[in-house]
N, C-alpha and C. Protein backbone atom coordinates (compact mmCIF):
# COMPACT_ATOMS: atom_id res chain seq x y z
N MET A 1 164.99 47.66 95.69
CA MET A 1 165.13 48.66 94.58
C MET A 1 164.55 48.12 93.42
N PRO A 2 163.31 48.58 93.14
CA PRO A 2 162.51 48.43 91.92
C PRO A 2 163.15 48.27 90.51
N GLU A 3 162.68 47.39 89.78
CA GLU A 3 163.36 47.13 88.49
C GLU A 3 163.35 48.22 87.49
N THR A 4 164.36 48.33 86.74
CA THR A 4 164.27 49.32 85.57
C THR A 4 163.52 48.79 84.57
N PHE A 5 163.15 49.56 83.63
CA PHE A 5 162.16 49.10 82.47
C PHE A 5 162.95 48.35 81.63
N LYS A 6 164.17 48.47 81.49
CA LYS A 6 164.96 47.28 80.55
C LYS A 6 165.04 46.15 81.46
N GLN A 7 165.27 45.85 82.67
CA GLN A 7 165.04 44.52 83.43
C GLN A 7 163.66 43.96 83.30
N TYR A 8 162.66 44.85 83.66
CA TYR A 8 161.12 44.11 83.38
C TYR A 8 160.97 43.71 81.93
N THR A 9 161.44 44.50 80.83
CA THR A 9 161.40 44.27 79.53
C THR A 9 162.12 42.56 79.38
N ASP A 10 163.21 42.89 79.53
CA ASP A 10 164.03 41.52 79.57
C ASP A 10 163.41 40.31 80.27
N ARG A 11 162.57 40.31 81.52
CA ARG A 11 161.94 39.46 82.20
C ARG A 11 160.69 39.02 81.64
N LEU A 12 160.05 39.94 81.01
CA LEU A 12 158.91 39.64 80.31
C LEU A 12 158.97 38.90 79.09
N PHE A 13 160.33 39.41 78.15
CA PHE A 13 160.52 38.55 76.79
C PHE A 13 161.40 37.27 77.26
N GLU A 14 161.68 37.18 78.29
CA GLU A 14 162.15 35.74 78.56
C GLU A 14 161.08 34.90 78.95
N TYR A 15 160.21 35.26 79.41
CA TYR A 15 158.85 34.55 79.61
C TYR A 15 158.38 34.34 78.52
N LEU A 16 158.03 35.21 77.64
CA LEU A 16 157.68 34.81 76.15
C LEU A 16 158.41 34.07 75.48
N GLY A 17 159.90 34.05 75.43
CA GLY A 17 160.88 33.42 74.72
C GLY A 17 160.38 33.32 73.17
N LYS A 18 160.15 32.06 72.31
CA LYS A 18 159.84 32.26 70.84
C LYS A 18 158.48 31.85 70.67
N GLN A 19 157.68 31.98 71.74
CA GLN A 19 156.21 31.90 71.58
C GLN A 19 155.72 32.88 70.72
N ASP A 20 154.60 32.55 70.15
CA ASP A 20 153.73 33.64 69.32
C ASP A 20 152.95 34.48 70.15
N PRO A 21 153.21 35.78 70.26
CA PRO A 21 152.69 36.77 71.38
C PRO A 21 151.01 36.78 71.04
N ILE A 22 150.67 36.75 69.71
CA ILE A 22 149.34 36.82 69.63
C ILE A 22 148.63 35.49 70.12
N LYS A 23 149.02 34.41 69.94
CA LYS A 23 148.54 33.27 70.38
C LYS A 23 148.55 33.28 72.08
N ILE A 24 149.51 33.79 72.68
CA ILE A 24 149.51 34.05 74.13
C ILE A 24 148.18 34.93 74.70
N MET A 25 148.25 36.11 73.83
CA MET A 25 147.27 37.11 73.83
C MET A 25 145.75 36.47 74.11
N LYS A 26 145.63 35.59 72.94
CA LYS A 26 144.32 35.08 72.72
C LYS A 26 144.00 33.88 73.67
N ALA A 27 145.08 33.25 74.26
CA ALA A 27 144.54 32.33 75.33
C ALA A 27 144.70 32.72 76.56
N THR A 28 144.92 33.80 77.03
CA THR A 28 145.05 34.46 78.31
C THR A 28 143.54 34.48 79.03
N PRO A 29 142.60 35.29 78.52
CA PRO A 29 141.30 35.05 79.16
C PRO A 29 140.86 33.91 79.33
N GLY A 30 141.20 32.81 78.59
CA GLY A 30 140.53 31.43 78.93
C GLY A 30 141.31 30.84 80.23
N LYS A 31 142.72 31.23 79.95
CA LYS A 31 143.51 30.40 81.35
C LYS A 31 143.07 31.01 82.51
N ILE A 32 142.79 32.54 82.54
CA ILE A 32 142.69 33.24 83.66
C ILE A 32 141.24 32.60 84.00
N GLU A 33 140.19 32.45 83.34
CA GLU A 33 138.91 32.06 83.84
C GLU A 33 138.90 30.35 84.40
N ARG A 34 139.73 29.68 83.65
CA ARG A 34 140.10 28.26 84.14
C ARG A 34 140.53 28.43 85.78
N LEU A 35 141.75 29.10 85.79
CA LEU A 35 142.37 29.27 87.10
C LEU A 35 141.43 29.86 88.30
N VAL A 36 140.56 30.77 87.96
CA VAL A 36 139.79 31.40 88.95
C VAL A 36 138.30 30.58 89.17
N LYS A 37 138.06 29.61 88.50
CA LYS A 37 136.65 28.94 88.48
C LYS A 37 136.59 28.29 89.69
N GLY A 38 135.56 28.60 90.40
CA GLY A 38 135.17 28.08 91.77
C GLY A 38 135.95 28.46 92.80
N ILE A 39 136.82 29.78 92.70
CA ILE A 39 137.38 30.30 93.71
C ILE A 39 136.34 31.42 94.38
N SER A 40 136.12 31.53 95.52
CA SER A 40 135.31 32.40 96.26
C SER A 40 136.00 33.77 95.96
N ARG A 41 135.00 34.80 95.76
CA ARG A 41 135.25 36.13 95.79
C ARG A 41 136.18 36.52 96.83
N LYS A 42 135.85 36.09 98.16
CA LYS A 42 136.59 36.47 99.29
C LYS A 42 138.10 36.28 99.03
N ASN A 43 138.42 34.90 98.49
CA ASN A 43 139.79 34.54 98.29
C ASN A 43 140.40 35.44 97.09
N LEU A 44 139.62 35.39 96.00
CA LEU A 44 140.21 36.50 94.94
C LEU A 44 140.51 37.96 95.18
N ALA A 45 139.72 38.37 96.56
CA ALA A 45 140.07 39.84 96.60
C ALA A 45 140.97 39.84 97.93
N ARG A 46 141.44 38.94 98.26
CA ARG A 46 142.42 38.87 99.60
C ARG A 46 143.83 39.18 99.10
N SER A 47 144.52 40.08 99.31
CA SER A 47 145.91 40.50 99.06
C SER A 47 146.72 39.40 99.67
N PRO A 48 147.72 38.85 98.90
CA PRO A 48 148.92 37.80 99.60
C PRO A 48 149.76 38.42 100.46
N ALA A 49 149.93 39.75 100.35
CA ALA A 49 150.93 40.17 101.32
C ALA A 49 150.68 41.92 101.34
N PRO A 50 151.07 42.64 102.25
CA PRO A 50 150.94 43.95 102.46
C PRO A 50 151.72 44.63 101.18
N GLY A 51 150.93 45.19 100.44
CA GLY A 51 151.28 46.05 99.37
C GLY A 51 151.32 45.15 97.89
N LYS A 52 150.75 44.18 98.05
CA LYS A 52 150.68 43.24 97.03
C LYS A 52 149.33 43.07 96.04
N TRP A 53 149.09 42.93 95.13
CA TRP A 53 147.74 42.78 94.40
C TRP A 53 147.13 41.40 94.63
N SER A 54 145.89 41.58 95.04
CA SER A 54 144.94 40.28 94.95
C SER A 54 144.93 40.00 93.70
N VAL A 55 144.26 38.80 93.53
CA VAL A 55 143.75 38.17 92.04
C VAL A 55 142.83 39.17 91.39
N LEU A 56 141.80 39.58 92.13
CA LEU A 56 140.84 40.29 91.68
C LEU A 56 141.55 41.77 91.24
N GLU A 57 142.45 42.27 91.96
CA GLU A 57 142.88 43.67 91.61
C GLU A 57 143.92 43.22 90.18
N ILE A 58 144.41 42.14 90.11
CA ILE A 58 145.13 41.78 89.02
C ILE A 58 144.21 41.74 87.58
N LEU A 59 143.01 41.32 87.98
CA LEU A 59 142.16 40.91 86.82
C LEU A 59 141.66 42.32 86.42
N CYS A 60 141.24 43.21 87.28
CA CYS A 60 141.12 44.59 86.95
C CYS A 60 142.19 45.57 86.27
N HIS A 61 143.32 45.20 86.78
CA HIS A 61 144.51 45.98 85.92
C HIS A 61 144.53 45.31 84.72
N LEU A 62 144.37 44.19 84.42
CA LEU A 62 144.38 43.58 83.19
C LEU A 62 143.19 44.25 81.99
N CYS A 63 141.88 44.40 82.81
CA CYS A 63 141.03 45.31 82.12
C CYS A 63 141.39 46.62 81.84
N ASP A 64 141.86 47.44 82.50
CA ASP A 64 141.93 48.75 82.34
C ASP A 64 143.43 48.51 81.46
N ASP A 65 144.35 47.79 81.62
CA ASP A 65 145.58 47.92 80.90
C ASP A 65 144.95 47.67 79.52
N GLU A 66 144.20 46.89 79.06
CA GLU A 66 143.61 46.44 77.72
C GLU A 66 143.14 47.48 77.07
N ILE A 67 142.53 48.21 77.89
CA ILE A 67 141.92 49.53 77.27
C ILE A 67 143.07 50.49 76.66
N ALA A 68 144.16 50.81 77.84
CA ALA A 68 145.39 51.64 77.47
C ALA A 68 145.76 50.98 76.36
N ILE A 69 146.16 49.83 76.23
CA ILE A 69 147.06 49.27 75.27
C ILE A 69 146.16 49.35 73.98
N GLY A 70 144.90 49.22 74.03
CA GLY A 70 144.33 49.20 72.82
C GLY A 70 144.33 50.65 72.26
N TRP A 71 144.21 51.40 73.11
CA TRP A 71 144.26 52.85 72.52
C TRP A 71 145.89 53.25 72.18
N ARG A 72 146.56 52.76 72.54
CA ARG A 72 148.18 52.86 72.12
C ARG A 72 148.42 52.37 70.85
N MET A 73 147.94 51.16 70.77
CA MET A 73 148.06 50.29 69.45
C MET A 73 147.49 51.11 68.28
N ARG A 74 146.10 51.71 68.52
CA ARG A 74 145.71 52.33 67.18
C ARG A 74 146.42 53.78 67.19
N LEU A 75 146.68 54.52 68.21
CA LEU A 75 147.79 55.74 67.84
C LEU A 75 148.82 55.16 66.84
N MET A 76 149.58 54.28 67.47
CA MET A 76 150.61 53.66 66.66
C MET A 76 150.36 53.42 65.30
N ILE A 77 149.18 52.59 65.16
CA ILE A 77 148.92 52.19 63.53
C ILE A 77 148.32 53.33 62.73
N THR A 78 147.80 54.41 63.38
CA THR A 78 147.07 55.44 62.34
C THR A 78 147.95 56.61 62.53
N ARG A 79 148.64 57.05 63.62
CA ARG A 79 149.30 58.16 63.80
C ARG A 79 150.82 57.72 63.99
N PRO A 80 151.73 57.13 63.16
CA PRO A 80 153.25 56.65 63.62
C PRO A 80 153.79 57.92 64.09
N GLY A 81 154.27 57.66 65.11
CA GLY A 81 155.19 58.65 66.06
C GLY A 81 154.27 59.54 66.92
N ALA A 82 153.33 58.98 67.09
CA ALA A 82 152.43 59.63 68.03
C ALA A 82 152.91 59.45 69.34
N PRO A 83 152.63 60.75 70.35
CA PRO A 83 153.09 60.57 71.75
C PRO A 83 152.24 59.23 72.43
N ILE A 84 152.81 58.88 73.13
CA ILE A 84 152.17 57.55 74.05
C ILE A 84 152.29 58.14 75.43
N ALA A 85 151.36 58.57 76.21
CA ALA A 85 151.43 58.49 77.59
C ALA A 85 151.43 57.58 78.43
N SER A 86 152.12 57.60 79.32
CA SER A 86 152.22 56.76 80.36
C SER A 86 151.20 56.75 81.45
N PHE A 87 150.84 55.78 82.33
CA PHE A 87 150.00 55.78 83.62
C PHE A 87 150.62 55.16 84.67
N GLU A 88 150.13 55.75 86.05
CA GLU A 88 150.58 55.06 87.12
C GLU A 88 149.60 53.94 87.80
N GLN A 89 149.74 52.72 87.51
CA GLN A 89 149.05 51.58 87.73
C GLN A 89 148.54 51.47 89.14
N THR A 90 149.44 51.96 90.11
CA THR A 90 149.01 51.43 91.55
C THR A 90 148.07 52.73 91.81
N ASP A 91 147.96 54.02 90.95
CA ASP A 91 146.97 54.88 91.25
C ASP A 91 145.72 54.30 90.86
N TRP A 92 145.81 53.72 89.54
CA TRP A 92 144.60 53.19 89.14
C TRP A 92 143.65 52.02 90.13
N VAL A 93 144.79 51.28 90.67
CA VAL A 93 144.24 50.23 91.67
C VAL A 93 143.56 51.03 92.66
N ARG A 94 144.17 51.95 93.47
CA ARG A 94 143.44 52.73 94.48
C ARG A 94 142.18 53.62 94.02
N ASP A 95 142.55 54.33 93.35
CA ASP A 95 141.52 55.27 92.67
C ASP A 95 140.22 54.68 92.04
N PHE A 96 140.29 53.41 91.41
CA PHE A 96 139.14 52.96 90.77
C PHE A 96 138.76 52.02 91.52
N LYS A 97 139.30 51.61 92.68
CA LYS A 97 138.54 50.63 93.75
C LYS A 97 138.68 49.17 93.04
N TYR A 98 139.79 48.68 92.63
CA TYR A 98 139.68 47.55 92.17
C TYR A 98 139.33 46.31 92.87
N GLY A 99 139.48 46.52 94.27
CA GLY A 99 139.13 45.23 95.06
C GLY A 99 137.62 45.44 95.35
N LYS A 100 136.77 46.32 94.62
CA LYS A 100 135.24 46.15 94.90
C LYS A 100 134.77 45.65 93.62
N TRP A 101 135.42 45.31 92.66
CA TRP A 101 134.72 45.19 91.38
C TRP A 101 133.96 43.61 91.20
N ASN A 102 133.39 43.38 90.34
CA ASN A 102 132.71 42.28 90.37
C ASN A 102 133.54 41.22 89.48
N VAL A 103 133.59 40.03 90.17
CA VAL A 103 134.68 39.10 89.40
C VAL A 103 134.26 38.73 87.80
N ALA A 104 132.99 38.32 88.09
CA ALA A 104 132.39 37.73 86.59
C ALA A 104 132.33 38.75 85.42
N ASP A 105 131.80 39.91 86.02
CA ASP A 105 131.90 41.16 84.86
C ASP A 105 133.06 41.58 84.53
N THR A 106 134.15 41.50 85.37
CA THR A 106 135.56 41.81 84.99
C THR A 106 136.34 40.75 84.24
N LEU A 107 135.87 39.82 84.47
CA LEU A 107 136.51 38.73 83.51
C LEU A 107 135.90 38.77 81.91
N ASN A 108 134.60 39.15 82.01
CA ASN A 108 133.80 39.09 80.48
C ASN A 108 134.34 40.57 80.23
N LEU A 109 134.62 41.50 80.75
CA LEU A 109 135.17 42.64 80.23
C LEU A 109 136.42 42.37 79.60
N PHE A 110 137.41 42.01 80.33
CA PHE A 110 138.60 41.49 79.60
C PHE A 110 138.55 40.65 78.64
N ARG A 111 137.86 39.43 78.63
CA ARG A 111 137.68 38.93 77.39
C ARG A 111 137.24 39.63 76.25
N GLU A 112 136.19 40.46 76.47
CA GLU A 112 135.90 41.22 75.39
C GLU A 112 136.72 42.36 74.73
N LEU A 113 137.32 43.00 75.55
CA LEU A 113 138.53 44.10 75.24
C LEU A 113 139.40 43.46 74.45
N ARG A 114 139.85 42.30 75.14
CA ARG A 114 140.84 41.56 74.28
C ARG A 114 140.73 40.94 72.76
N LYS A 115 139.13 40.68 72.87
CA LYS A 115 138.88 39.72 71.69
C LYS A 115 138.90 41.25 70.53
N ASN A 116 138.44 42.27 71.20
CA ASN A 116 138.32 43.55 69.98
C ASN A 116 139.99 43.75 69.76
N ASN A 117 140.89 44.10 70.58
CA ASN A 117 142.06 44.15 70.07
C ASN A 117 142.77 43.15 69.42
N LEU A 118 142.42 41.85 69.71
CA LEU A 118 142.98 41.02 68.44
C LEU A 118 142.33 41.11 67.29
N GLN A 119 141.14 41.21 67.43
CA GLN A 119 140.51 41.64 65.93
C GLN A 119 141.36 42.77 65.04
N MET A 120 141.46 43.78 65.68
CA MET A 120 142.18 44.86 65.23
C MET A 120 143.32 44.47 64.52
N LEU A 121 144.12 43.73 65.56
CA LEU A 121 145.84 43.31 64.99
C LEU A 121 145.60 42.25 63.92
N ARG A 122 144.41 41.49 63.86
CA ARG A 122 144.28 40.40 62.71
C ARG A 122 144.06 41.45 61.54
N LEU A 123 143.23 42.14 61.46
CA LEU A 123 142.77 43.13 60.24
C LEU A 123 143.92 44.13 59.67
N ILE A 124 144.90 44.43 60.44
CA ILE A 124 145.72 45.32 59.72
C ILE A 124 146.96 44.50 58.87
N SER A 125 147.54 45.36 58.05
CA SER A 125 148.48 44.76 57.19
C SER A 125 149.80 44.24 58.01
N LYS A 126 150.32 43.58 57.59
CA LYS A 126 151.73 42.50 58.38
C LYS A 126 152.60 43.74 58.45
N ASP A 127 152.87 44.53 57.27
CA ASP A 127 154.05 45.56 57.49
C ASP A 127 153.88 46.70 58.58
N LYS A 128 152.54 46.64 59.19
CA LYS A 128 152.12 48.03 60.03
C LYS A 128 153.18 47.35 61.52
N PHE A 129 153.39 45.95 61.78
CA PHE A 129 153.85 45.43 63.01
C PHE A 129 155.11 46.27 62.91
N ASP A 130 155.85 46.26 62.11
CA ASP A 130 157.21 46.88 62.21
C ASP A 130 157.39 48.61 61.97
N LYS A 131 156.50 48.80 61.11
CA LYS A 131 156.31 50.36 60.82
C LYS A 131 155.74 51.09 61.65
N ALA A 132 154.47 50.61 62.10
CA ALA A 132 153.71 51.42 63.30
C ALA A 132 154.60 51.48 64.50
N HIS A 133 154.60 52.73 65.10
CA HIS A 133 155.31 53.10 66.41
C HIS A 133 154.65 54.22 67.03
N GLY A 134 155.02 54.26 68.46
CA GLY A 134 154.69 55.60 68.90
C GLY A 134 155.80 55.75 70.02
N ILE A 135 155.81 57.13 70.49
CA ILE A 135 157.02 57.70 71.32
C ILE A 135 156.46 57.57 72.96
N HIS A 136 156.70 56.46 73.57
CA HIS A 136 156.38 56.61 74.83
C HIS A 136 157.05 57.74 75.53
N GLU A 137 156.21 58.35 76.74
CA GLU A 137 156.70 59.31 77.10
C GLU A 137 158.11 59.06 78.05
N GLU A 138 157.86 57.87 78.58
CA GLU A 138 159.10 57.51 79.41
C GLU A 138 160.11 56.76 78.99
N ARG A 139 159.65 55.99 77.84
CA ARG A 139 160.57 54.95 77.22
C ARG A 139 161.00 54.90 76.01
N GLY A 140 160.53 56.17 75.36
CA GLY A 140 160.98 56.47 73.90
C GLY A 140 160.26 55.82 72.76
N LYS A 141 160.76 55.50 71.72
CA LYS A 141 160.19 54.82 70.31
C LYS A 141 160.07 53.49 70.84
N GLU A 142 158.85 53.04 70.52
CA GLU A 142 158.08 51.74 70.48
C GLU A 142 157.48 51.14 69.15
N THR A 143 157.78 50.02 68.69
CA THR A 143 157.24 49.67 67.67
C THR A 143 155.83 48.72 68.09
N LEU A 144 154.95 48.59 66.99
CA LEU A 144 153.89 47.85 67.48
C LEU A 144 154.09 46.58 67.69
N SER A 145 155.00 45.90 67.05
CA SER A 145 155.61 44.53 67.09
C SER A 145 156.32 44.28 68.65
N PHE A 146 157.02 45.38 69.13
CA PHE A 146 157.80 45.39 70.54
C PHE A 146 156.24 45.31 71.32
N PHE A 147 155.66 46.03 71.17
CA PHE A 147 154.34 46.41 72.18
C PHE A 147 153.75 45.18 72.20
N VAL A 148 153.62 44.60 71.17
CA VAL A 148 152.74 43.12 71.17
C VAL A 148 153.29 42.33 71.96
N LYS A 149 154.67 42.34 71.74
CA LYS A 149 155.31 41.06 72.56
C LYS A 149 155.51 41.49 74.11
N LEU A 150 155.61 42.42 74.07
CA LEU A 150 155.78 43.13 75.67
C LEU A 150 154.47 42.62 76.35
N ASN A 151 153.09 43.00 75.53
CA ASN A 151 151.79 42.67 76.25
C ASN A 151 151.77 41.37 76.46
N ALA A 152 152.18 40.41 75.32
CA ALA A 152 152.11 38.91 75.68
C ALA A 152 152.94 38.61 76.93
N GLY A 153 154.20 38.87 77.31
CA GLY A 153 155.02 38.85 78.27
C GLY A 153 154.38 39.51 79.48
N HIS A 154 153.59 40.37 79.46
CA HIS A 154 152.80 41.14 80.56
C HIS A 154 151.84 40.01 80.95
N ASP A 155 151.12 39.30 79.99
CA ASP A 155 149.71 38.37 80.30
C ASP A 155 150.73 37.10 81.11
N LEU A 156 151.82 36.63 80.73
CA LEU A 156 152.73 35.56 81.12
C LEU A 156 152.81 35.79 82.66
N ASN A 157 153.18 37.22 82.92
CA ASN A 157 153.84 37.63 84.14
C ASN A 157 152.69 37.60 84.95
N HIS A 158 151.51 38.05 84.82
CA HIS A 158 150.20 38.05 85.60
C HIS A 158 149.62 36.70 85.57
N LEU A 159 149.57 35.86 84.75
CA LEU A 159 149.27 34.45 84.88
C LEU A 159 150.06 33.74 85.88
N MET A 160 151.39 33.71 85.79
CA MET A 160 152.24 33.28 87.00
C MET A 160 151.82 33.87 88.37
N GLN A 161 151.79 35.23 88.54
CA GLN A 161 151.28 35.68 89.75
C GLN A 161 150.06 35.21 90.24
N ILE A 162 148.86 34.98 89.10
CA ILE A 162 147.71 34.59 89.68
C ILE A 162 147.75 33.12 90.25
N ARG A 163 148.45 32.23 89.61
CA ARG A 163 148.72 30.83 89.94
C ARG A 163 149.52 30.77 91.22
N ASN A 164 150.63 31.65 91.32
CA ASN A 164 151.23 31.64 92.70
C ASN A 164 150.20 32.06 93.97
N ILE A 165 149.49 33.00 93.67
CA ILE A 165 148.39 33.60 94.77
C ILE A 165 147.54 32.32 94.91
N LEU A 166 146.82 31.76 94.29
CA LEU A 166 146.08 30.69 94.18
C LEU A 166 146.56 29.51 95.02
N GLN A 167 147.82 29.15 94.24
CA GLN A 167 148.47 27.86 95.06
C GLN A 167 148.87 28.20 96.65
N SER A 168 149.03 29.32 96.92
CA SER A 168 149.57 29.88 98.23
C SER A 168 148.38 29.74 99.30
N LYS A 169 147.14 29.99 98.64
CA LYS A 169 145.75 30.01 99.59
C LYS A 169 145.24 28.70 99.45
N LEU A 170 145.49 27.63 98.81
CA LEU A 170 145.09 26.44 98.74
C LEU A 170 145.89 25.42 99.63
C-alpha cells in the first residue's frame, strides 16, 4: 500500500529534524556531485530493481522538481492563496526520458536551478515564510515555510536513495 501524504511528510520531516532546511538545500547539489563522481554513466543509469528509479532518474527528477518548486514558491510569495497544481512524477520520468539525459548537464542544471531558488528565498522578507502560501490541489493550504522544509526533507530522502543505490552496486 502506498504511503499517504501525511506519512510521506512525517517521514521527510523526521529526516530533517531540527536541521536548517536552507542549509540542507544549499548543500545538496555538492553532496550529489561527490556521491556520483567517478561512477560510470552505465551504473548511474541502471535501475536498482524493477519499477525503481536509477540514480540518473533521481537526478533528473530533482531538476524538474526544482523547476516546479521554484514556480510554486514564486506563486506563494507573489499571489498568496494561489492554486498550486500537482504533477505525476512517474509520468515525467517516462515522458521526458530521464534515463537518456546527460549526467554532467543534469548535475549542472540542478546546481543552477537550486542556486536561483535559494537566491530568491534569501532576498524575500522573513515574514513571507509564514504568510506566503498556496492551495495545493491535492493537499490543501501550504505555507512557504512548510514547503521549504518539505523540500529539504525531499533532498535528504533522495540523497539516502542515491547512497543506497550506489552502495548496492559497489
